[in-house]
């Protein structure tokens, strides 16, 4: 029995781990974390989640989802 996460992984390539090492938040210039379930790059400092479409991170403020400011 396959769960929802398995199907998402099969249809969306995610992000290359090497890319995560060099990408930073375009707003705060801080490190990003990868949320595999939502297929987004998260900037906790900015309170934003940037979508990944077809394996390509969309690092535009206008495309980011507001997740609220932490700390």
N, C-alpha and C. Protein backbone atom coordinates (compact mmCIF):
# COMPACT_ATOMS: atom_id res chain seq x y z
N UNK A 1 0.85 -1.19 0.00
CA UNK A 1 0.00 0.00 0.00
C UNK A 1 0.89 1.24 0.00
N UNK A 2 0.77 2.07 -1.02
CA UNK A 2 1.59 3.27 -1.15
C UNK A 2 0.89 4.45 -0.50
N UNK A 3 1.68 5.24 0.24
CA UNK A 3 1.07 6.42 0.84
C UNK A 3 1.22 7.62 -0.08
N UNK A 4 0.62 8.74 0.30
CA UNK A 4 0.59 9.93 -0.54
C UNK A 4 2.00 10.46 -0.83
N UNK A 5 2.89 10.36 0.14
CA UNK A 5 4.25 10.85 -0.03
C UNK A 5 4.96 10.12 -1.16
N UNK A 6 4.75 8.80 -1.27
CA UNK A 6 5.38 8.02 -2.32
C UNK A 6 4.94 8.50 -3.70
N UNK A 7 3.66 8.78 -3.86
CA UNK A 7 3.17 9.22 -5.17
C UNK A 7 3.71 10.60 -5.51
N UNK A 8 3.79 11.48 -4.52
CA UNK A 8 4.33 12.81 -4.76
C UNK A 8 5.77 12.72 -5.22
N UNK A 9 6.55 11.86 -4.60
CA UNK A 9 7.95 11.71 -4.96
C UNK A 9 8.10 11.19 -6.38
N UNK A 10 7.21 10.30 -6.80
CA UNK A 10 7.29 9.75 -8.15
C UNK A 10 6.96 10.78 -9.21
N UNK A 11 6.04 11.69 -8.93
CA UNK A 11 5.61 12.66 -9.94
C UNK A 11 6.39 13.96 -9.89
N UNK A 12 7.05 14.26 -8.79
CA UNK A 12 7.80 15.50 -8.67
C UNK A 12 9.23 15.17 -8.25
N UNK A 13 10.21 15.60 -9.02
CA UNK A 13 11.59 15.22 -8.75
C UNK A 13 12.21 15.83 -7.50
N UNK A 14 11.58 16.82 -6.90
CA UNK A 14 12.17 17.44 -5.72
C UNK A 14 13.28 18.39 -6.13
N UNK A 15 14.32 18.44 -5.30
CA UNK A 15 15.43 19.36 -5.57
C UNK A 15 16.75 18.62 -5.35
N UNK A 16 17.72 18.96 -6.17
CA UNK A 16 19.05 18.37 -6.07
C UNK A 16 19.70 18.82 -4.75
N UNK A 17 20.16 17.90 -3.93
CA UNK A 17 20.78 18.27 -2.64
C UNK A 17 21.97 19.22 -2.81
N UNK A 18 22.70 19.10 -3.90
CA UNK A 18 23.84 20.00 -4.13
C UNK A 18 23.37 21.43 -4.35
N UNK A 19 22.18 21.58 -4.93
CA UNK A 19 21.62 22.91 -5.14
C UNK A 19 21.27 23.56 -3.81
N UNK A 20 20.79 22.76 -2.87
CA UNK A 20 20.45 23.28 -1.54
C UNK A 20 21.66 23.88 -0.83
N UNK A 21 22.82 23.37 -1.13
CA UNK A 21 24.04 23.87 -0.49
C UNK A 21 24.38 25.30 -0.91
N UNK A 22 23.95 25.71 -2.09
CA UNK A 22 24.31 27.04 -2.59
C UNK A 22 23.16 28.04 -2.60
N UNK A 23 21.94 27.56 -2.58
CA UNK A 23 20.78 28.47 -2.60
C UNK A 23 20.58 29.12 -1.23
N UNK A 24 20.21 30.39 -1.24
CA UNK A 24 19.84 31.10 -0.02
C UNK A 24 18.53 31.84 -0.28
N UNK A 25 17.90 32.25 0.77
CA UNK A 25 16.66 33.02 0.66
C UNK A 25 16.96 34.34 -0.05
N UNK A 26 16.19 34.68 -1.09
CA UNK A 26 16.43 35.94 -1.79
C UNK A 26 16.06 37.18 -0.96
N UNK A 27 15.31 36.98 0.11
CA UNK A 27 14.89 38.11 0.94
C UNK A 27 15.90 38.36 2.07
N UNK A 28 16.29 37.30 2.78
CA UNK A 28 17.14 37.45 3.96
C UNK A 28 18.57 36.98 3.76
N UNK A 29 18.83 36.28 2.66
CA UNK A 29 20.15 35.70 2.37
C UNK A 29 20.57 34.66 3.41
N UNK A 30 19.59 34.00 4.03
CA UNK A 30 19.87 32.95 5.00
C UNK A 30 19.62 31.58 4.36
N UNK A 31 20.05 30.54 5.05
CA UNK A 31 19.92 29.18 4.55
C UNK A 31 18.45 28.77 4.42
N UNK A 32 18.21 27.85 3.50
CA UNK A 32 16.87 27.31 3.27
C UNK A 32 16.84 25.85 3.69
N UNK A 33 15.66 25.37 4.05
CA UNK A 33 15.48 23.95 4.31
C UNK A 33 14.48 23.41 3.30
N UNK A 34 14.61 22.13 3.01
CA UNK A 34 13.74 21.49 2.02
C UNK A 34 12.61 20.76 2.73
N UNK A 35 11.39 21.13 2.41
CA UNK A 35 10.20 20.44 2.92
C UNK A 35 9.75 19.48 1.83
N UNK A 36 10.10 18.21 2.00
CA UNK A 36 9.81 17.20 0.99
C UNK A 36 8.31 17.01 0.79
N UNK A 37 7.57 17.01 1.87
CA UNK A 37 6.12 16.77 1.79
C UNK A 37 5.41 17.85 0.96
N UNK A 38 5.80 19.11 1.18
CA UNK A 38 5.17 20.22 0.46
C UNK A 38 5.92 20.56 -0.82
N UNK A 39 7.11 19.97 -1.01
CA UNK A 39 7.98 20.24 -2.16
C UNK A 39 8.27 21.73 -2.27
N UNK A 40 8.80 22.28 -1.16
CA UNK A 40 9.10 23.70 -1.08
C UNK A 40 10.45 23.91 -0.39
N UNK A 41 11.06 25.03 -0.67
CA UNK A 41 12.24 25.48 0.06
C UNK A 41 11.76 26.51 1.06
N UNK A 42 12.08 26.29 2.32
CA UNK A 42 11.54 27.12 3.40
C UNK A 42 12.62 28.02 3.97
N UNK A 43 12.28 29.30 4.08
CA UNK A 43 13.12 30.28 4.76
C UNK A 43 12.43 30.61 6.08
N UNK A 44 12.95 30.05 7.15
CA UNK A 44 12.35 30.32 8.46
C UNK A 44 12.55 31.77 8.85
N UNK A 45 13.68 32.36 8.46
CA UNK A 45 13.98 33.75 8.81
C UNK A 45 12.98 34.72 8.16
N UNK A 46 12.59 34.44 6.93
CA UNK A 46 11.66 35.32 6.22
C UNK A 46 10.20 34.89 6.41
N UNK A 47 9.99 33.67 6.89
CA UNK A 47 8.63 33.17 7.02
C UNK A 47 7.99 32.88 5.68
N UNK A 48 8.82 32.38 4.74
CA UNK A 48 8.34 32.13 3.38
C UNK A 48 8.69 30.72 2.93
N UNK A 49 7.86 30.18 2.05
CA UNK A 49 8.12 28.88 1.43
C UNK A 49 8.09 29.07 -0.08
N UNK A 50 9.20 28.73 -0.72
CA UNK A 50 9.34 28.90 -2.17
C UNK A 50 9.03 27.58 -2.86
N UNK A 51 8.14 27.58 -3.85
CA UNK A 51 7.75 26.33 -4.51
C UNK A 51 8.87 25.77 -5.39
N UNK A 52 8.79 24.47 -5.62
CA UNK A 52 9.68 23.81 -6.57
C UNK A 52 8.80 23.24 -7.65
N UNK A 53 9.01 23.67 -8.87
CA UNK A 53 8.18 23.22 -9.99
C UNK A 53 9.06 22.50 -11.00
N UNK A 54 8.71 21.25 -11.29
CA UNK A 54 9.47 20.43 -12.23
C UNK A 54 10.95 20.38 -11.87
N UNK A 55 11.24 20.32 -10.58
CA UNK A 55 12.61 20.21 -10.11
C UNK A 55 13.36 21.53 -10.05
N UNK A 56 12.69 22.64 -10.38
CA UNK A 56 13.34 23.95 -10.40
C UNK A 56 12.76 24.83 -9.28
N UNK A 57 13.61 25.27 -8.34
CA UNK A 57 13.12 26.18 -7.30
C UNK A 57 12.73 27.53 -7.89
N UNK A 58 11.56 28.00 -7.51
CA UNK A 58 11.08 29.31 -7.97
C UNK A 58 11.37 30.30 -6.84
N UNK A 59 12.48 31.02 -6.99
CA UNK A 59 12.97 31.87 -5.91
C UNK A 59 12.51 33.32 -6.06
N UNK A 60 11.25 33.50 -6.34
CA UNK A 60 10.66 34.82 -6.49
C UNK A 60 9.76 35.11 -5.29
N UNK A 61 9.90 36.29 -4.71
CA UNK A 61 9.09 36.66 -3.54
C UNK A 61 7.60 36.59 -3.86
N UNK A 62 7.23 37.00 -5.06
CA UNK A 62 5.82 37.00 -5.45
C UNK A 62 5.24 35.59 -5.56
N UNK A 63 6.08 34.60 -5.75
CA UNK A 63 5.62 33.21 -5.88
C UNK A 63 5.66 32.46 -4.55
N UNK A 64 6.29 33.04 -3.53
CA UNK A 64 6.45 32.39 -2.24
C UNK A 64 5.14 32.39 -1.44
N UNK A 65 5.01 31.35 -0.64
CA UNK A 65 3.85 31.23 0.25
C UNK A 65 4.25 31.73 1.64
N UNK A 66 3.42 32.58 2.22
CA UNK A 66 3.69 33.12 3.56
C UNK A 66 3.39 32.05 4.60
N UNK A 67 4.40 31.72 5.41
CA UNK A 67 4.19 30.72 6.47
C UNK A 67 4.25 31.35 7.84
N UNK A 68 4.34 32.67 7.87
CA UNK A 68 4.43 33.38 9.15
C UNK A 68 5.88 33.52 9.58
N UNK A 69 6.14 34.57 10.30
CA UNK A 69 7.51 34.84 10.75
C UNK A 69 7.77 34.07 12.03
N UNK A 70 8.90 33.34 12.05
CA UNK A 70 9.25 32.61 13.25
C UNK A 70 10.29 33.38 14.03
N UNK A 71 10.13 33.39 15.32
CA UNK A 71 11.02 34.03 16.28
C UNK A 71 11.23 35.43 15.88
